[in-house]
Amino acid sequence: MGANVHHSKSWLSPLIQQAEGGEDFIIAREDEPDGNLVPVLEKPEEGYRILGRLKGRFGSPLANWEEKCALIDKELEQLMNDEPLISGPPPGMDGWGNPVE
């Protein structure tokens, strides 16, 4: 069954009842199918949530963030093990932190 948009808006309640009865209904705009009204197969109970309905709609800014973190950890470890943190006293200081005149 089908009708145009104007008819569908005017007769929405009966069309919903027909859809609840199992009938599919096509809505047309300018003689071209534009949408359809179909019955809901399972009505969720009150307070019922559909888990996973947003799965795949959002992505991580770093798809491989775990690998990148592991690389950063390895680089930090190499820097701390291979080279001393301070190679010498800062300019103008002796080895004990006293100013050099």
N, C-alpha and C. Protein backbone atom coordinates (compact mmCIF):
# COMPACT_ATOMS: atom_id res chain seq x y z
N MET A 1 0.85 -1.17 0.00
CA MET A 1 0.00 0.00 0.00
C MET A 1 0.90 1.24 0.00
N GLY A 2 0.41 2.35 -0.54
CA GLY A 2 1.20 3.56 -0.57
C GLY A 2 0.33 4.79 -0.77
N ALA A 3 0.91 5.94 -0.47
CA ALA A 3 0.22 7.22 -0.64
C ALA A 3 1.26 8.33 -0.69
N ASN A 4 0.80 9.55 -1.02
CA ASN A 4 1.73 10.67 -1.05
C ASN A 4 1.94 11.23 0.36
N VAL A 5 2.85 12.17 0.49
CA VAL A 5 3.22 12.72 1.79
C VAL A 5 2.05 13.40 2.46
N HIS A 6 1.28 14.20 1.72
CA HIS A 6 0.14 14.93 2.30
C HIS A 6 -0.88 13.96 2.88
N HIS A 7 -1.24 12.92 2.13
CA HIS A 7 -2.19 11.92 2.62
C HIS A 7 -1.63 11.21 3.85
N SER A 8 -0.34 10.91 3.82
CA SER A 8 0.28 10.20 4.94
C SER A 8 0.25 11.03 6.21
N LYS A 9 0.49 12.36 6.07
CA LYS A 9 0.44 13.22 7.26
C LYS A 9 -0.99 13.33 7.80
N SER A 10 -1.96 13.37 6.90
CA SER A 10 -3.36 13.51 7.34
C SER A 10 -3.88 12.25 8.01
N TRP A 11 -3.41 11.09 7.58
CA TRP A 11 -3.93 9.82 8.06
C TRP A 11 -2.87 9.02 8.81
N LEU A 12 -1.99 9.70 9.55
CA LEU A 12 -0.87 9.01 10.19
C LEU A 12 -1.32 7.97 11.22
N SER A 13 -2.28 8.32 12.08
CA SER A 13 -2.70 7.37 13.12
C SER A 13 -3.23 6.06 12.54
N PRO A 14 -4.14 6.10 11.56
CA PRO A 14 -4.59 4.82 10.99
C PRO A 14 -3.47 4.06 10.28
N LEU A 15 -2.56 4.79 9.66
CA LEU A 15 -1.44 4.13 8.98
C LEU A 15 -0.54 3.42 9.99
N ILE A 16 -0.32 4.04 11.15
CA ILE A 16 0.47 3.41 12.21
C ILE A 16 -0.22 2.14 12.68
N GLN A 17 -1.55 2.18 12.83
CA GLN A 17 -2.28 0.99 13.24
C GLN A 17 -2.13 -0.13 12.21
N GLN A 18 -2.15 0.24 10.93
CA GLN A 18 -1.97 -0.77 9.88
C GLN A 18 -0.56 -1.36 9.96
N ALA A 19 0.43 -0.51 10.22
CA ALA A 19 1.80 -1.00 10.35
C ALA A 19 1.93 -1.93 11.55
N GLU A 20 1.26 -1.59 12.63
CA GLU A 20 1.28 -2.47 13.81
C GLU A 20 0.65 -3.83 13.50
N GLY A 21 -0.29 -3.83 12.55
CA GLY A 21 -0.92 -5.08 12.13
C GLY A 21 -0.05 -5.89 11.19
N GLY A 22 1.10 -5.35 10.81
CA GLY A 22 2.03 -6.10 9.98
C GLY A 22 2.10 -5.64 8.53
N GLU A 23 1.40 -4.58 8.18
CA GLU A 23 1.39 -4.11 6.79
C GLU A 23 2.46 -3.05 6.56
N ASP A 24 3.23 -3.20 5.48
CA ASP A 24 4.21 -2.19 5.09
C ASP A 24 3.50 -1.10 4.29
N PHE A 25 3.95 0.14 4.44
CA PHE A 25 3.31 1.26 3.77
C PHE A 25 4.38 2.16 3.17
N ILE A 26 4.31 2.44 1.86
CA ILE A 26 5.29 3.28 1.17
C ILE A 26 4.76 4.69 1.04
N ILE A 27 5.59 5.66 1.42
CA ILE A 27 5.24 7.08 1.30
C ILE A 27 6.00 7.64 0.11
N ALA A 28 5.25 8.32 -0.80
CA ALA A 28 5.85 8.83 -2.03
C ALA A 28 5.80 10.36 -2.05
N ARG A 29 6.81 10.93 -2.68
CA ARG A 29 6.85 12.38 -2.93
C ARG A 29 7.05 12.55 -4.43
N GLU A 30 6.12 13.26 -5.07
CA GLU A 30 6.16 13.47 -6.52
C GLU A 30 6.26 12.13 -7.27
N ASP A 31 5.43 11.19 -6.86
CA ASP A 31 5.34 9.86 -7.48
C ASP A 31 6.61 9.03 -7.38
N GLU A 32 7.54 9.41 -6.53
CA GLU A 32 8.75 8.64 -6.30
C GLU A 32 8.75 8.16 -4.85
N PRO A 33 9.02 6.87 -4.60
CA PRO A 33 9.07 6.39 -3.21
C PRO A 33 10.10 7.18 -2.40
N ASP A 34 9.67 7.66 -1.24
CA ASP A 34 10.54 8.50 -0.41
C ASP A 34 10.80 7.88 0.96
N GLY A 35 9.92 7.04 1.41
CA GLY A 35 10.11 6.41 2.72
C GLY A 35 9.10 5.30 2.89
N ASN A 36 9.20 4.61 4.01
CA ASN A 36 8.21 3.58 4.26
C ASN A 36 7.94 3.47 5.75
N LEU A 37 6.74 3.01 6.03
CA LEU A 37 6.29 2.81 7.40
C LEU A 37 6.17 1.31 7.58
N VAL A 38 6.95 0.75 8.48
CA VAL A 38 6.96 -0.70 8.69
C VAL A 38 6.72 -1.00 10.17
N PRO A 39 6.22 -2.17 10.46
CA PRO A 39 5.99 -2.51 11.87
C PRO A 39 7.31 -2.72 12.61
N VAL A 40 7.30 -2.39 13.88
CA VAL A 40 8.45 -2.65 14.75
C VAL A 40 8.35 -4.11 15.18
N LEU A 41 9.42 -4.85 14.96
CA LEU A 41 9.37 -6.28 15.25
C LEU A 41 9.34 -6.56 16.74
N GLU A 42 10.15 -5.85 17.49
CA GLU A 42 10.19 -6.04 18.94
C GLU A 42 10.09 -4.69 19.61
N LYS A 43 9.12 -4.54 20.47
CA LYS A 43 9.01 -3.29 21.22
C LYS A 43 9.79 -3.44 22.52
N PRO A 44 10.74 -2.52 22.77
CA PRO A 44 11.50 -2.63 24.02
C PRO A 44 10.61 -2.35 25.23
N GLU A 45 10.90 -3.07 26.30
CA GLU A 45 10.18 -2.84 27.55
C GLU A 45 10.63 -1.51 28.14
N GLU A 46 9.83 -0.97 29.03
CA GLU A 46 10.17 0.31 29.65
C GLU A 46 11.46 0.17 30.44
N GLY A 47 12.40 1.08 30.23
CA GLY A 47 13.68 1.04 30.89
C GLY A 47 14.68 0.14 30.20
N TYR A 48 14.26 -0.51 29.14
CA TYR A 48 15.13 -1.43 28.39
C TYR A 48 16.02 -0.62 27.46
N ARG A 49 17.29 -0.94 27.43
CA ARG A 49 18.23 -0.25 26.56
C ARG A 49 18.80 -1.25 25.56
N ILE A 50 18.99 -0.77 24.35
CA ILE A 50 19.58 -1.61 23.32
C ILE A 50 21.09 -1.41 23.39
N LEU A 51 21.80 -2.45 23.83
CA LEU A 51 23.24 -2.35 23.97
C LEU A 51 23.92 -2.45 22.61
N GLY A 52 24.93 -1.62 22.42
CA GLY A 52 25.72 -1.69 21.20
C GLY A 52 25.11 -0.97 20.02
N ARG A 53 24.08 -0.18 20.22
CA ARG A 53 23.44 0.46 19.06
C ARG A 53 24.29 1.56 18.46
N LEU A 54 25.31 2.04 19.17
CA LEU A 54 26.20 3.06 18.62
C LEU A 54 27.54 2.47 18.16
N LYS A 55 27.63 1.15 18.16
CA LYS A 55 28.89 0.50 17.77
C LYS A 55 29.25 0.86 16.33
N GLY A 56 30.49 1.29 16.15
CA GLY A 56 30.97 1.61 14.82
C GLY A 56 30.68 3.03 14.36
N ARG A 57 29.95 3.80 15.15
CA ARG A 57 29.61 5.17 14.74
C ARG A 57 30.67 6.18 15.16
N PHE A 58 31.49 5.82 16.11
CA PHE A 58 32.53 6.73 16.59
C PHE A 58 33.87 6.04 16.48
N GLY A 59 34.88 6.81 16.11
CA GLY A 59 36.21 6.24 15.99
C GLY A 59 37.16 6.92 16.96
N SER A 60 38.23 6.24 17.26
CA SER A 60 39.25 6.79 18.12
C SER A 60 40.14 7.73 17.31
N PRO A 61 40.53 8.88 17.88
CA PRO A 61 41.42 9.77 17.14
C PRO A 61 42.76 9.10 16.83
N LEU A 62 43.17 8.20 17.68
CA LEU A 62 44.37 7.40 17.42
C LEU A 62 43.94 5.94 17.37
N ALA A 63 43.80 5.44 16.18
CA ALA A 63 43.31 4.07 16.03
C ALA A 63 44.26 3.06 16.68
N ASN A 64 45.57 3.33 16.62
CA ASN A 64 46.55 2.39 17.19
C ASN A 64 47.27 3.03 18.38
N TRP A 65 46.52 3.58 19.30
CA TRP A 65 47.10 4.31 20.42
C TRP A 65 47.94 3.40 21.33
N GLU A 66 47.57 2.14 21.46
CA GLU A 66 48.33 1.23 22.33
C GLU A 66 49.74 1.01 21.77
N GLU A 67 49.84 0.87 20.44
CA GLU A 67 51.15 0.69 19.83
C GLU A 67 52.00 1.95 19.99
N LYS A 68 51.39 3.12 19.81
CA LYS A 68 52.12 4.37 19.95
C LYS A 68 52.61 4.57 21.38
N CYS A 69 51.79 4.21 22.35
CA CYS A 69 52.20 4.34 23.76
C CYS A 69 53.36 3.38 24.06
N ALA A 70 53.32 2.18 23.50
CA ALA A 70 54.41 1.22 23.72
C ALA A 70 55.71 1.75 23.13
N LEU A 71 55.66 2.37 21.94
CA LEU A 71 56.85 2.95 21.34
C LEU A 71 57.42 4.09 22.18
N ILE A 72 56.54 4.93 22.69
CA ILE A 72 56.98 6.04 23.54
C ILE A 72 57.64 5.50 24.81
N ASP A 73 57.04 4.45 25.40
CA ASP A 73 57.63 3.84 26.59
C ASP A 73 59.03 3.30 26.30
N LYS A 74 59.21 2.64 25.14
CA LYS A 74 60.53 2.11 24.78
C LYS A 74 61.53 3.24 24.59
N GLU A 75 61.13 4.32 23.93
CA GLU A 75 62.03 5.45 23.72
C GLU A 75 62.45 6.07 25.05
N LEU A 76 61.50 6.25 25.96
CA LEU A 76 61.83 6.81 27.28
C LEU A 76 62.78 5.90 28.05
N GLU A 77 62.53 4.61 27.96
CA GLU A 77 63.39 3.66 28.66
C GLU A 77 64.82 3.72 28.10
N GLN A 78 64.96 3.80 26.78
CA GLN A 78 66.29 3.89 26.18
C GLN A 78 66.99 5.18 26.60
N LEU A 79 66.24 6.28 26.59
CA LEU A 79 66.84 7.55 26.98
C LEU A 79 67.34 7.51 28.42
N MET A 80 66.58 6.89 29.31
CA MET A 80 66.95 6.87 30.71
C MET A 80 68.07 5.87 31.01
N ASN A 81 68.15 4.79 30.24
CA ASN A 81 69.18 3.77 30.49
C ASN A 81 70.48 4.05 29.76
N ASP A 82 70.43 4.61 28.57
CA ASP A 82 71.61 4.78 27.75
C ASP A 82 72.39 6.04 28.06
N GLU A 83 71.73 7.10 28.39
CA GLU A 83 72.40 8.37 28.60
C GLU A 83 72.15 8.86 30.02
N PRO A 84 73.13 9.49 30.63
CA PRO A 84 72.88 10.07 31.95
C PRO A 84 71.89 11.23 31.81
N LEU A 85 71.11 11.42 32.86
CA LEU A 85 70.13 12.50 32.82
C LEU A 85 70.81 13.86 32.75
N ILE A 86 71.91 14.04 33.48
CA ILE A 86 72.66 15.30 33.45
C ILE A 86 74.09 14.95 33.06
N SER A 87 74.56 15.50 31.95
CA SER A 87 75.90 15.15 31.48
C SER A 87 76.98 15.94 32.21
N GLY A 88 76.64 16.99 32.85
CA GLY A 88 77.61 17.80 33.56
C GLY A 88 76.89 18.90 34.32
N PRO A 89 77.64 19.68 35.05
CA PRO A 89 76.98 20.76 35.78
C PRO A 89 76.45 21.82 34.81
N PRO A 90 75.42 22.53 35.19
CA PRO A 90 74.90 23.60 34.35
C PRO A 90 75.96 24.69 34.16
N PRO A 91 75.85 25.47 33.13
CA PRO A 91 76.84 26.54 32.90
C PRO A 91 76.90 27.48 34.10
N GLY A 92 78.11 27.84 34.49
CA GLY A 92 78.33 28.75 35.61
C GLY A 92 78.30 28.09 36.97
N MET A 93 78.26 26.74 37.02
CA MET A 93 78.22 26.03 38.30
C MET A 93 79.32 24.98 38.29
N ASP A 94 79.82 24.65 39.48
CA ASP A 94 80.78 23.57 39.57
C ASP A 94 80.03 22.26 39.77
N GLY A 95 80.72 21.17 39.95
CA GLY A 95 80.10 19.86 40.10
C GLY A 95 79.24 19.72 41.33
N TRP A 96 79.38 20.62 42.29
CA TRP A 96 78.61 20.53 43.54
C TRP A 96 77.45 21.49 43.57
N GLY A 97 77.23 22.22 42.48
CA GLY A 97 76.12 23.16 42.44
C GLY A 97 76.46 24.55 42.94
N ASN A 98 77.78 24.81 43.15
CA ASN A 98 78.19 26.14 43.62
C ASN A 98 78.52 27.02 42.41
N PRO A 99 78.18 28.30 42.49
CA PRO A 99 78.51 29.19 41.36
C PRO A 99 80.02 29.32 41.17
N VAL A 100 80.42 29.36 39.92
CA VAL A 100 81.82 29.52 39.57
C VAL A 100 82.04 31.00 39.24
N GLU A 101 83.09 31.57 39.84
CA GLU A 101 83.35 33.00 39.60
C GLU A 101 84.44 33.21 38.62
